[in-house]
Amino acid sequence: MEFEEIEPDSWNRENDFANIHVHMADGRHYGINVWTFNALETSIALDLGGKSNSNGLYVIPPDLFVRELTKECIYETISDLLKKGDLEKVLNPSVLSLKVNGI
């Protein structure tokens, strides 16, 4: 998880975003863009204030929203999603599965 590897003490666990990598036992790998719920509100405010995205008309979403950027929250979230199916099917279409030997 990016927030554990890069300047671990500089992340706001309740209002930030990060990239995570999920490595499955069967060789599939996922790169997932994760935002906290509060990061969405911050993004909207920045777009409105900075006149971005047609003056805040839209926000391009991440692959996944979570309550907080913690290992526990993300593990629980990914575990629950995997019970529902493959991540590329239960998350938005930008999440792709890549096989180690067959990218």
PDB file of N, CA and C in Angstrom:
ATOM      1  N   MET A   1       0.841  -1.163   0.000  1.00  0.00           N
ATOM      2  CA  MET A   1       0.000   0.000   0.000  1.00  0.00           C
ATOM      3  C   MET A   1       0.893   1.234   0.000  1.00  0.00           C
ATOM      4  N   GLU A   2       0.620   2.104  -0.922  1.00  0.00           N
ATOM      5  CA  GLU A   2       1.454   3.283  -1.129  1.00  0.00           C
ATOM      6  C   GLU A   2       1.643   4.079   0.163  1.00  0.00           C
ATOM      7  N   PHE A   3       0.577   4.229   0.952  1.00  0.00           N
ATOM      8  CA  PHE A   3       0.673   5.051   2.155  1.00  0.00           C
ATOM      9  C   PHE A   3       1.541   4.421   3.240  1.00  0.00           C
ATOM     10  N   GLU A   4       1.861   3.155   3.120  1.00  0.00           N
ATOM     11  CA  GLU A   4       2.780   2.514   4.062  1.00  0.00           C
ATOM     12  C   GLU A   4       4.231   2.605   3.588  1.00  0.00           C
ATOM     13  N   GLU A   5       4.421   2.718   2.298  1.00  0.00           N
ATOM     14  CA  GLU A   5       5.759   2.688   1.715  1.00  0.00           C
ATOM     15  C   GLU A   5       6.388   4.066   1.531  1.00  0.00           C
ATOM     16  N   ILE A   6       5.583   5.056   1.179  1.00  0.00           N
ATOM     17  CA  ILE A   6       6.102   6.381   0.849  1.00  0.00           C
ATOM     18  C   ILE A   6       5.701   7.357   1.951  1.00  0.00           C
ATOM     19  N   GLU A   7       6.671   7.838   2.694  1.00  0.00           N
ATOM     20  CA  GLU A   7       6.433   8.782   3.779  1.00  0.00           C
ATOM     21  C   GLU A   7       5.219   8.385   4.614  1.00  0.00           C
ATOM     22  N   PRO A   8       5.285   7.270   5.329  1.00  0.00           N
ATOM     23  CA  PRO A   8       4.126   6.729   6.041  1.00  0.00           C
ATOM     24  C   PRO A   8       3.452   7.679   7.023  1.00  0.00           C
ATOM     25  N   ASP A   9       4.166   8.647   7.555  1.00  0.00           N
ATOM     26  CA  ASP A   9       3.561   9.558   8.527  1.00  0.00           C
ATOM     27  C   ASP A   9       2.957  10.811   7.895  1.00  0.00           C
ATOM     28  N   SER A  10       2.994  10.908   6.570  1.00  0.00           N
ATOM     29  CA  SER A  10       2.516  12.127   5.922  1.00  0.00           C
ATOM     30  C   SER A  10       1.104  11.995   5.345  1.00  0.00           C
ATOM     31  N   TRP A  11       0.460  10.856   5.524  1.00  0.00           N
ATOM     32  CA  TRP A  11      -0.859  10.616   4.943  1.00  0.00           C
ATOM     33  C   TRP A  11      -1.957  10.955   5.939  1.00  0.00           C
ATOM     34  N   ASN A  12      -3.043  11.518   5.442  1.00  0.00           N
ATOM     35  CA  ASN A  12      -4.218  11.768   6.260  1.00  0.00           C
ATOM     36  C   ASN A  12      -5.148  10.581   6.084  1.00  0.00           C
ATOM     37  N   ARG A  13      -5.228   9.725   7.070  1.00  0.00           N
ATOM     38  CA  ARG A  13      -5.968   8.468   6.910  1.00  0.00           C
ATOM     39  C   ARG A  13      -7.458   8.660   6.654  1.00  0.00           C
ATOM     40  N   GLU A  14      -8.001   9.847   6.951  1.00  0.00           N
ATOM     41  CA  GLU A  14      -9.428  10.085   6.747  1.00  0.00           C
ATOM     42  C   GLU A  14      -9.731  11.001   5.563  1.00  0.00           C
ATOM     43  N   ASN A  15      -8.695  11.616   4.979  1.00  0.00           N
ATOM     44  CA  ASN A  15      -8.940  12.541   3.872  1.00  0.00           C
ATOM     45  C   ASN A  15      -7.737  12.535   2.938  1.00  0.00           C
ATOM     46  N   ASP A  16      -7.621  11.458   2.158  1.00  0.00           N
ATOM     47  CA  ASP A  16      -6.480  11.330   1.256  1.00  0.00           C
ATOM     48  C   ASP A  16      -6.787  10.257   0.222  1.00  0.00           C
ATOM     49  N   PHE A  17      -5.832   9.983  -0.619  1.00  0.00           N
ATOM     50  CA  PHE A  17      -5.975   8.924  -1.621  1.00  0.00           C
ATOM     51  C   PHE A  17      -4.631   8.261  -1.805  1.00  0.00           C
ATOM     52  N   ALA A  18      -4.668   7.036  -2.322  1.00  0.00           N
ATOM     53  CA  ALA A  18      -3.428   6.286  -2.531  1.00  0.00           C
ATOM     54  C   ALA A  18      -3.676   5.195  -3.559  1.00  0.00           C
ATOM     55  N   ASN A  19      -2.588   4.643  -4.036  1.00  0.00           N
ATOM     56  CA  ASN A  19      -2.656   3.477  -4.915  1.00  0.00           C
ATOM     57  C   ASN A  19      -2.302   2.256  -4.095  1.00  0.00           C
ATOM     58  N   ILE A  20      -2.990   1.164  -4.371  1.00  0.00           N
ATOM     59  CA  ILE A  20      -2.660  -0.092  -3.715  1.00  0.00           C
ATOM     60  C   ILE A  20      -2.473  -1.155  -4.783  1.00  0.00           C
ATOM     61  N   HIS A  21      -1.747  -2.190  -4.425  1.00  0.00           N
ATOM     62  CA  HIS A  21      -1.559  -3.343  -5.305  1.00  0.00           C
ATOM     63  C   HIS A  21      -2.083  -4.565  -4.572  1.00  0.00           C
ATOM     64  N   VAL A  22      -2.885  -5.345  -5.278  1.00  0.00           N
ATOM     65  CA  VAL A  22      -3.419  -6.591  -4.721  1.00  0.00           C
ATOM     66  C   VAL A  22      -2.819  -7.724  -5.533  1.00  0.00           C
ATOM     67  N   HIS A  23      -2.134  -8.624  -4.849  1.00  0.00           N
ATOM     68  CA  HIS A  23      -1.516  -9.781  -5.491  1.00  0.00           C
ATOM     69  C   HIS A  23      -2.288 -11.025  -5.068  1.00  0.00           C
ATOM     70  N   MET A  24      -2.879 -11.711  -6.027  1.00  0.00           N
ATOM     71  CA  MET A  24      -3.682 -12.906  -5.753  1.00  0.00           C
ATOM     72  C   MET A  24      -2.809 -14.153  -5.849  1.00  0.00           C
ATOM     73  N   ALA A  25      -3.197 -15.186  -5.118  1.00  0.00           N
ATOM     74  CA  ALA A  25      -2.448 -16.448  -5.114  1.00  0.00           C
ATOM     75  C   ALA A  25      -2.396 -17.086  -6.501  1.00  0.00           C
ATOM     76  N   ASP A  26      -3.403 -16.810  -7.346  1.00  0.00           N
ATOM     77  CA  ASP A  26      -3.443 -17.427  -8.673  1.00  0.00           C
ATOM     78  C   ASP A  26      -2.632 -16.647  -9.721  1.00  0.00           C
ATOM     79  N   GLY A  27      -1.881 -15.608  -9.283  1.00  0.00           N
ATOM     80  CA  GLY A  27      -1.038 -14.870 -10.206  1.00  0.00           C
ATOM     81  C   GLY A  27      -1.635 -13.573 -10.720  1.00  0.00           C
ATOM     82  N   ARG A  28      -2.897 -13.314 -10.436  1.00  0.00           N
ATOM     83  CA  ARG A  28      -3.488 -12.045 -10.858  1.00  0.00           C
ATOM     84  C   ARG A  28      -2.967 -10.921  -9.959  1.00  0.00           C
ATOM     85  N   HIS A  29      -2.831  -9.749 -10.567  1.00  0.00           N
ATOM     86  CA  HIS A  29      -2.408  -8.555  -9.846  1.00  0.00           C
ATOM     87  C   HIS A  29      -3.362  -7.422 -10.202  1.00  0.00           C
ATOM     88  N   TYR A  30      -3.649  -6.588  -9.225  1.00  0.00           N
ATOM     89  CA  TYR A  30      -4.506  -5.437  -9.444  1.00  0.00           C
ATOM     90  C   TYR A  30      -3.820  -4.190  -8.930  1.00  0.00           C
ATOM     91  N   GLY A  31      -3.926  -3.104  -9.644  1.00  0.00           N
ATOM     92  CA  GLY A  31      -3.543  -1.785  -9.168  1.00  0.00           C
ATOM     93  C   GLY A  31      -4.829  -1.004  -8.992  1.00  0.00           C
ATOM     94  N   ILE A  32      -5.083  -0.532  -7.781  1.00  0.00           N
ATOM     95  CA  ILE A  32      -6.364   0.104  -7.479  1.00  0.00           C
ATOM     96  C   ILE A  32      -6.125   1.491  -6.889  1.00  0.00           C
ATOM     97  N   ASN A  33      -6.805   2.485  -7.422  1.00  0.00           N
ATOM     98  CA  ASN A  33      -6.773   3.849  -6.934  1.00  0.00           C
ATOM     99  C   ASN A  33      -7.857   3.977  -5.862  1.00  0.00           C
ATOM    100  N   VAL A  34      -7.444   4.254  -4.618  1.00  0.00           N
ATOM    101  CA  VAL A  34      -8.354   4.271  -3.474  1.00  0.00           C
ATOM    102  C   VAL A  34      -8.424   5.675  -2.887  1.00  0.00           C
ATOM    103  N   TRP A  35      -9.638   6.173  -2.699  1.00  0.00           N
ATOM    104  CA  TRP A  35      -9.866   7.465  -2.052  1.00  0.00           C
ATOM    105  C   TRP A  35     -10.682   7.241  -0.795  1.00  0.00           C
ATOM    106  N   THR A  36     -10.484   8.115   0.193  1.00  0.00           N
ATOM    107  CA  THR A  36     -11.393   8.111   1.341  1.00  0.00           C
ATOM    108  C   THR A  36     -12.650   8.884   0.951  1.00  0.00           C
ATOM    109  N   PHE A  37     -13.715   8.672   1.732  1.00  0.00           N
ATOM    110  CA  PHE A  37     -14.958   9.398   1.474  1.00  0.00           C
ATOM    111  C   PHE A  37     -14.712  10.908   1.524  1.00  0.00           C
ATOM    112  N   ASN A  38     -13.928  11.356   2.505  1.00  0.00           N
ATOM    113  CA  ASN A  38     -13.648  12.785   2.652  1.00  0.00           C
ATOM    114  C   ASN A  38     -12.819  13.335   1.498  1.00  0.00           C
ATOM    115  N   ALA A  39     -11.992  12.505   0.879  1.00  0.00           N
ATOM    116  CA  ALA A  39     -11.188  12.970  -0.250  1.00  0.00           C
ATOM    117  C   ALA A  39     -12.072  13.349  -1.428  1.00  0.00           C
ATOM    118  N   LEU A  40     -13.220  12.708  -1.568  1.00  0.00           N
ATOM    119  CA  LEU A  40     -14.160  13.084  -2.624  1.00  0.00           C
ATOM    120  C   LEU A  40     -14.644  14.512  -2.387  1.00  0.00           C
ATOM    121  N   GLU A  41     -15.041  14.811  -1.157  1.00  0.00           N
ATOM    122  CA  GLU A  41     -15.500  16.161  -0.843  1.00  0.00           C
ATOM    123  C   GLU A  41     -14.396  17.186  -1.089  1.00  0.00           C
ATOM    124  N   THR A  42     -13.179  16.853  -0.717  1.00  0.00           N
ATOM    125  CA  THR A  42     -12.045  17.750  -0.941  1.00  0.00           C
ATOM    126  C   THR A  42     -11.822  17.968  -2.433  1.00  0.00           C
ATOM    127  N   SER A  43     -11.908  16.903  -3.224  1.00  0.00           N
ATOM    128  CA  SER A  43     -11.729  17.003  -4.671  1.00  0.00           C
ATOM    129  C   SER A  43     -12.796  17.904  -5.294  1.00  0.00           C
ATOM    130  N   ILE A  44     -14.030  17.754  -4.847  1.00  0.00           N
ATOM    131  CA  ILE A  44     -15.115  18.598  -5.360  1.00  0.00           C
ATOM    132  C   ILE A  44     -14.836  20.058  -5.040  1.00  0.00           C
ATOM    133  N   ALA A  45     -14.450  20.349  -3.801  1.00  0.00           N
ATOM    134  CA  ALA A  45     -14.171  21.722  -3.391  1.00  0.00           C
ATOM    135  C   ALA A  45     -13.011  22.312  -4.196  1.00  0.00           C
ATOM    136  N   LEU A  46     -11.964  21.524  -4.422  1.00  0.00           N
ATOM    137  CA  LEU A  46     -10.821  22.009  -5.203  1.00  0.00           C
ATOM    138  C   LEU A  46     -11.213  22.292  -6.650  1.00  0.00           C
ATOM    139  N   ASP A  47     -12.025  21.409  -7.228  1.00  0.00           N
ATOM    140  CA  ASP A  47     -12.470  21.616  -8.608  1.00  0.00           C
ATOM    141  C   ASP A  47     -13.322  22.874  -8.725  1.00  0.00           C
ATOM    142  N   LEU A  48     -14.206  23.106  -7.755  1.00  0.00           N
ATOM    143  CA  LEU A  48     -15.047  24.304  -7.771  1.00  0.00           C
ATOM    144  C   LEU A  48     -14.211  25.562  -7.557  1.00  0.00           C
ATOM    145  N   GLY A  49     -13.332  25.515  -6.573  1.00  0.00           N
ATOM    146  CA  GLY A  49     -12.512  26.675  -6.239  1.00  0.00           C
ATOM    147  C   GLY A  49     -11.478  26.998  -7.302  1.00  0.00           C
ATOM    148  N   GLY A  50     -10.951  25.968  -7.944  1.00  0.00           N
ATOM    149  CA  GLY A  50      -9.917  26.176  -8.952  1.00  0.00           C
ATOM    150  C   GLY A  50     -10.442  26.262 -10.363  1.00  0.00           C
ATOM    151  N   LYS A  51     -11.746  26.207 -10.507  1.00  0.00           N
ATOM    152  CA  LYS A  51     -12.389  26.278 -11.835  1.00  0.00           C
ATOM    153  C   LYS A  51     -11.981  25.108 -12.723  1.00  0.00           C
ATOM    154  N   SER A  52     -11.664  23.969 -12.103  1.00  0.00           N
ATOM    155  CA  SER A  52     -11.295  22.772 -12.875  1.00  0.00           C
ATOM    156  C   SER A  52     -12.541  22.004 -13.305  1.00  0.00           C
ATOM    157  N   ASN A  53     -12.351  21.126 -14.253  1.00  0.00           N
ATOM    158  CA  ASN A  53     -13.414  20.227 -14.717  1.00  0.00           C
ATOM    159  C   ASN A  53     -14.716  20.977 -14.994  1.00  0.00           C
ATOM    160  N   SER A  54     -14.613  21.956 -15.876  1.00  0.00           N
ATOM    161  CA  SER A  54     -15.768  22.794 -16.247  1.00  0.00           C
ATOM    162  C   SER A  54     -16.416  23.413 -15.012  1.00  0.00           C
ATOM    163  N   ASN A  55     -15.561  24.031 -14.195  1.00  0.00           N
ATOM    164  CA  ASN A  55     -16.024  24.704 -12.977  1.00  0.00           C
ATOM    165  C   ASN A  55     -16.705  23.755 -11.999  1.00  0.00           C
ATOM    166  N   GLY A  56     -16.145  22.563 -11.848  1.00  0.00           N
ATOM    167  CA  GLY A  56     -16.673  21.604 -10.881  1.00  0.00           C
ATOM    168  C   GLY A  56     -17.898  20.848 -11.363  1.00  0.00           C
ATOM    169  N   LEU A  57     -18.102  20.798 -12.656  1.00  0.00           N
ATOM    170  CA  LEU A  57     -19.256  20.085 -13.209  1.00  0.00           C
ATOM    171  C   LEU A  57     -19.162  18.582 -12.969  1.00  0.00           C
ATOM    172  N   TYR A  58     -17.941  18.058 -12.875  1.00  0.00           N
ATOM    173  CA  TYR A  58     -17.749  16.623 -12.687  1.00  0.00           C
ATOM    174  C   TYR A  58     -16.462  16.347 -11.915  1.00  0.00           C
ATOM    175  N   VAL A  59     -16.383  15.135 -11.384  1.00  0.00           N
ATOM    176  CA  VAL A  59     -15.178  14.628 -10.737  1.00  0.00           C
ATOM    177  C   VAL A  59     -14.925  13.249 -11.325  1.00  0.00           C
ATOM    178  N   ILE A  60     -13.719  13.004 -11.774  1.00  0.00           N
ATOM    179  CA  ILE A  60     -13.379  11.674 -12.272  1.00  0.00           C
ATOM    180  C   ILE A  60     -13.083  10.803 -11.053  1.00  0.00           C
ATOM    181  N   PRO A  61     -13.881   9.758 -10.842  1.00  0.00           N
ATOM    182  CA  PRO A  61     -13.763   8.977  -9.605  1.00  0.00           C
ATOM    183  C   PRO A  61     -12.592   8.003  -9.622  1.00  0.00           C
ATOM    184  N   PRO A  62     -12.224   7.554  -8.438  1.00  0.00           N
ATOM    185  CA  PRO A  62     -11.212   6.506  -8.324  1.00  0.00           C
ATOM    186  C   PRO A  62     -11.858   5.150  -8.573  1.00  0.00           C
ATOM    187  N   ASP A  63     -11.090   4.098  -8.348  1.00  0.00           N
ATOM    188  CA  ASP A  63     -11.628   2.750  -8.475  1.00  0.00           C
ATOM    189  C   ASP A  63     -12.432   2.336  -7.241  1.00  0.00           C
ATOM    190  N   LEU A  64     -12.090   2.932  -6.088  1.00  0.00           N
ATOM    191  CA  LEU A  64     -12.686   2.478  -4.836  1.00  0.00           C
ATOM    192  C   LEU A  64     -12.672   3.597  -3.806  1.00  0.00           C
ATOM    193  N   PHE A  65     -13.766   3.742  -3.059  1.00  0.00           N
ATOM    194  CA  PHE A  65     -13.837   4.651  -1.915  1.00  0.00           C
ATOM    195  C   PHE A  65     -13.831   3.819  -0.641  1.00  0.00           C
ATOM    196  N   VAL A  66     -13.115   4.283   0.380  1.00  0.00           N
ATOM    197  CA  VAL A  66     -13.092   3.616   1.693  1.00  0.00           C
ATOM    198  C   VAL A  66     -13.239   4.673   2.786  1.00  0.00           C
ATOM    199  N   ARG A  67     -13.577   4.217   3.984  1.00  0.00           N
ATOM    200  CA  ARG A  67     -13.727   5.134   5.104  1.00  0.00           C
ATOM    201  C   ARG A  67     -12.400   5.767   5.492  1.00  0.00           C
ATOM    202  N   GLU A  68     -11.328   4.950   5.521  1.00  0.00           N
ATOM    203  CA  GLU A  68     -10.030   5.470   5.922  1.00  0.00           C
ATOM    204  C   GLU A  68      -8.906   4.696   5.264  1.00  0.00           C
ATOM    205  N   LEU A  69      -7.766   5.365   5.118  1.00  0.00           N
ATOM    206  CA  LEU A  69      -6.578   4.727   4.547  1.00  0.00           C
ATOM    207  C   LEU A  69      -5.796   4.046   5.670  1.00  0.00           C
ATOM    208  N   THR A  70      -6.230   2.834   5.983  1.00  0.00           N
ATOM    209  CA  THR A  70      -5.507   1.996   6.932  1.00  0.00           C
ATOM    210  C   THR A  70      -5.439   0.596   6.357  1.00  0.00           C
ATOM    211  N   LYS A  71      -4.426  -0.131   6.747  1.00  0.00           N
ATOM    212  CA  LYS A  71      -4.287  -1.507   6.279  1.00  0.00           C
ATOM    213  C   LYS A  71      -5.530  -2.321   6.647  1.00  0.00           C
ATOM    214  N   GLU A  72      -6.015  -2.145   7.859  1.00  0.00           N
ATOM    215  CA  GLU A  72      -7.173  -2.910   8.323  1.00  0.00           C
ATOM    216  C   GLU A  72      -8.417  -2.627   7.485  1.00  0.00           C
ATOM    217  N   CYS A  73      -8.687  -1.361   7.232  1.00  0.00           N
ATOM    218  CA  CYS A  73      -9.866  -0.992   6.449  1.00  0.00           C
ATOM    219  C   CYS A  73      -9.775  -1.530   5.027  1.00  0.00           C
ATOM    220  N   ILE A  74      -8.612  -1.389   4.412  1.00  0.00           N
ATOM    221  CA  ILE A  74      -8.461  -1.837   3.026  1.00  0.00           C
ATOM    222  C   ILE A  74      -8.484  -3.358   2.930  1.00  0.00           C
ATOM    223  N   TYR A  75      -7.833  -4.057   3.847  1.00  0.00           N
ATOM    224  CA  TYR A  75      -7.884  -5.528   3.835  1.00  0.00           C
ATOM    225  C   TYR A  75      -9.321  -6.021   3.977  1.00  0.00           C
ATOM    226  N   GLU A  76     -10.058  -5.438   4.921  1.00  0.00           N
ATOM    227  CA  GLU A  76     -11.444  -5.854   5.121  1.00  0.00           C
ATOM    228  C   GLU A  76     -12.286  -5.567   3.884  1.00  0.00           C
ATOM    229  N   THR A  77     -12.056  -4.410   3.274  1.00  0.00           N
ATOM    230  CA  THR A  77     -12.791  -4.037   2.067  1.00  0.00           C
ATOM    231  C   THR A  77     -12.492  -4.992   0.917  1.00  0.00           C
ATOM    232  N   ILE A  78     -11.212  -5.247   0.642  1.00  0.00           N
ATOM    233  CA  ILE A  78     -10.839  -6.143  -0.458  1.00  0.00           C
ATOM    234  C   ILE A  78     -11.348  -7.549  -0.190  1.00  0.00           C
ATOM    235  N   SER A  79     -11.243  -8.019   1.038  1.00  0.00           N
ATOM    236  CA  SER A  79     -11.755  -9.361   1.384  1.00  0.00           C
ATOM    237  C   SER A  79     -13.253  -9.463   1.111  1.00  0.00           C
ATOM    238  N   ASP A  80     -13.998  -8.438   1.497  1.00  0.00           N
ATOM    239  CA  ASP A  80     -15.444  -8.452   1.261  1.00  0.00           C
ATOM    240  C   ASP A  80     -15.759  -8.427  -0.230  1.00  0.00           C
ATOM    241  N   LEU A  81     -15.023  -7.605  -0.984  1.00  0.00           N
ATOM    242  CA  LEU A  81     -15.249  -7.539  -2.425  1.00  0.00           C
ATOM    243  C   LEU A  81     -14.940  -8.875  -3.103  1.00  0.00           C
ATOM    244  N   LEU A  82     -13.880  -9.540  -2.668  1.00  0.00           N
ATOM    245  CA  LEU A  82     -13.515 -10.825  -3.272  1.00  0.00           C
ATOM    246  C   LEU A  82     -14.575 -11.899  -3.001  1.00  0.00           C
ATOM    247  N   LYS A  83     -15.308 -11.780  -1.911  1.00  0.00           N
ATOM    248  CA  LYS A  83     -16.419 -12.708  -1.647  1.00  0.00           C
ATOM    249  C   LYS A  83     -17.529 -12.533  -2.674  1.00  0.00           C
ATOM    250  N   LYS A  84     -17.608 -11.338  -3.256  1.00  0.00           N
ATOM    251  CA  LYS A  84     -18.647 -11.031  -4.239  1.00  0.00           C
ATOM    252  C   LYS A  84     -18.240 -11.398  -5.660  1.00  0.00           C
ATOM    253  N   GLY A  85     -16.934 -11.544  -5.895  1.00  0.00           N
ATOM    254  CA  GLY A  85     -16.474 -11.900  -7.237  1.00  0.00           C
ATOM    255  C   GLY A  85     -15.088 -11.350  -7.509  1.00  0.00           C
ATOM    256  N   ASP A  86     -14.646 -11.487  -8.748  1.00  0.00           N
ATOM    257  CA  ASP A  86     -13.348 -10.960  -9.169  1.00  0.00           C
ATOM    258  C   ASP A  86     -13.383  -9.437  -9.106  1.00  0.00           C
ATOM    259  N   LEU A  87     -12.270  -8.840  -8.698  1.00  0.00           N
ATOM    260  CA  LEU A  87     -12.239  -7.389  -8.539  1.00  0.00           C
ATOM    261  C   LEU A  87     -12.564  -6.651  -9.823  1.00  0.00           C
ATOM    262  N   GLU A  88     -12.141  -7.184 -10.960  1.00  0.00           N
ATOM    263  CA  GLU A  88     -12.438  -6.497 -12.223  1.00  0.00           C
ATOM    264  C   GLU A  88     -13.930  -6.533 -12.558  1.00  0.00           C
ATOM    265  N   LYS A  89     -14.688  -7.362 -11.875  1.00  0.00           N
ATOM    266  CA  LYS A  89     -16.138  -7.421 -12.101  1.00  0.00           C
ATOM    267  C   LYS A  89     -16.914  -6.622 -11.059  1.00  0.00           C
ATOM    268  N   VAL A  90     -16.398  -6.513  -9.828  1.00  0.00           N
ATOM    269  CA  VAL A  90     -17.142  -5.815  -8.781  1.00  0.00           C
ATOM    270  C   VAL A  90     -16.732  -4.351  -8.620  1.00  0.00           C
ATOM    271  N   LEU A  91     -15.591  -3.959  -9.176  1.00  0.00           N
ATOM    272  CA  LEU A  91     -15.171  -2.562  -9.146  1.00  0.00           C
ATOM    273  C   LEU A  91     -15.406  -1.940 -10.516  1.00  0.00           C
ATOM    274  N   ASN A  92     -15.032  -0.675 -10.667  1.00  0.00           N
ATOM    275  CA  ASN A  92     -15.291  -0.036 -11.955  1.00  0.00           C
ATOM    276  C   ASN A  92     -14.414  -0.652 -13.052  1.00  0.00           C
ATOM    277  N   PRO A  93     -14.778  -0.473 -14.308  1.00  0.00           N
ATOM    278  CA  PRO A  93     -14.094  -1.154 -15.416  1.00  0.00           C
ATOM    279  C   PRO A  93     -12.617  -0.823 -15.599  1.00  0.00           C
ATOM    280  N   SER A  94     -12.095   0.193 -14.904  1.00  0.00           N
ATOM    281  CA  SER A  94     -10.673   0.506 -15.071  1.00  0.00           C
ATOM    282  C   SER A  94      -9.779  -0.475 -14.328  1.00  0.00           C
ATOM    283  N   VAL A  95     -10.365  -1.281 -13.434  1.00  0.00           N
ATOM    284  CA  VAL A  95      -9.583  -2.261 -12.681  1.00  0.00           C
ATOM    285  C   VAL A  95      -9.457  -3.512 -13.538  1.00  0.00           C
ATOM    286  N   LEU A  96      -8.235  -3.838 -13.906  1.00  0.00           N
ATOM    287  CA  LEU A  96      -7.980  -4.982 -14.766  1.00  0.00           C
ATOM    288  C   LEU A  96      -7.119  -5.998 -14.049  1.00  0.00           C
ATOM    289  N   SER A  97      -7.345  -7.230 -14.360  1.00  0.00           N
ATOM    290  CA  SER A  97      -6.502  -8.291 -13.828  1.00  0.00           C
ATOM    291  C   SER A  97      -5.353  -8.539 -14.801  1.00  0.00           C
ATOM    292  N   LEU A  98      -4.153  -8.627 -14.261  1.00  0.00           N
ATOM    293  CA  LEU A  98      -2.989  -8.936 -15.090  1.00  0.00           C
ATOM    294  C   LEU A  98      -2.328 -10.204 -14.546  1.00  0.00           C
ATOM    295  N   LYS A  99      -2.084 -11.146 -15.404  1.00  0.00           N
ATOM    296  CA  LYS A  99      -1.371 -12.365 -15.002  1.00  0.00           C
ATOM    297  C   LYS A  99       0.117 -12.094 -15.065  1.00  0.00           C
ATOM    298  N   VAL A 100       0.865 -12.618 -14.115  1.00  0.00           N
ATOM    299  CA  VAL A 100       2.306 -12.379 -14.044  1.00  0.00           C
ATOM    300  C   VAL A 100       2.987 -12.798 -15.344  1.00  0.00           C
ATOM    301  N   ASN A 101       2.678 -13.973 -15.838  1.00  0.00           N
ATOM    302  CA  ASN A 101       3.352 -14.490 -17.039  1.00  0.00           C
ATOM    303  C   ASN A 101       2.634 -14.133 -18.337  1.00  0.00           C
ATOM    304  N   GLY A 102       1.470 -13.563 -18.239  1.00  0.00           N
ATOM    305  CA  GLY A 102       0.716 -13.318 -19.472  1.00  0.00           C
ATOM    306  C   GLY A 102       0.155 -11.937 -19.592  1.00  0.00           C
ATOM    307  N   ILE A 103       0.906 -10.921 -19.189  1.00  0.00           N
ATOM    308  CA  ILE A 103       0.417  -9.542 -19.221  1.00  0.00           C
ATOM    309  C   ILE A 103      -0.014  -9.134 -20.582  1.00  0.00           C
TER     310      ILE A 103
END
